[in-house]
Amino acid sequence: QAQLVESGGGLVQAGGSLRLSCAASGRTFSSYGLGWFRQAPGKEREFVAAISWSGGRTLYEDSVKGRFTISRDNAKITVQLQMNSLKPEDTAVYYCAANKRNWSGGNYVSPLRYDYWGQGTQVTVSS
């Protein structure tokens, strides 16, 4: 059974850092692109970052560029999101997701294009 499990969320002060991790199992996720999304209370789920199956291509939402870094380890089938210089507006539940479509911006920004989702991990940034 395909499964994505996030970890690493928590409470941090503004300006601090957190590292999220997502472990994938039950599928050949090494051939899937992987992405991170977030959803704040009362808001729609929004794209944060994505990485191609090889790790050679990445894509970031504008507000996190230069602060967040996505990476993956295909040997362990994990994807990480290093989050630095966190802001209160980064507060949300963060989800990892897997996408088998060909790499292109359009395919990896929309949550509708993703095939598998984790349960999410809460990130809270205090001011």
Foldseek 3Di string as FASTA:
>chain_A
DWAKAKDWADEEAAQAKIKMKIFIDDDLLLLWKKFKWWDDPPDDIWGAKIAGSVRPDMDGDPVQPPFWDWGADSVRRMIMIIGGRDDQVVWTWMKMFTANDDDDPVLRGDPVRTDDIHPTDTHGYHD
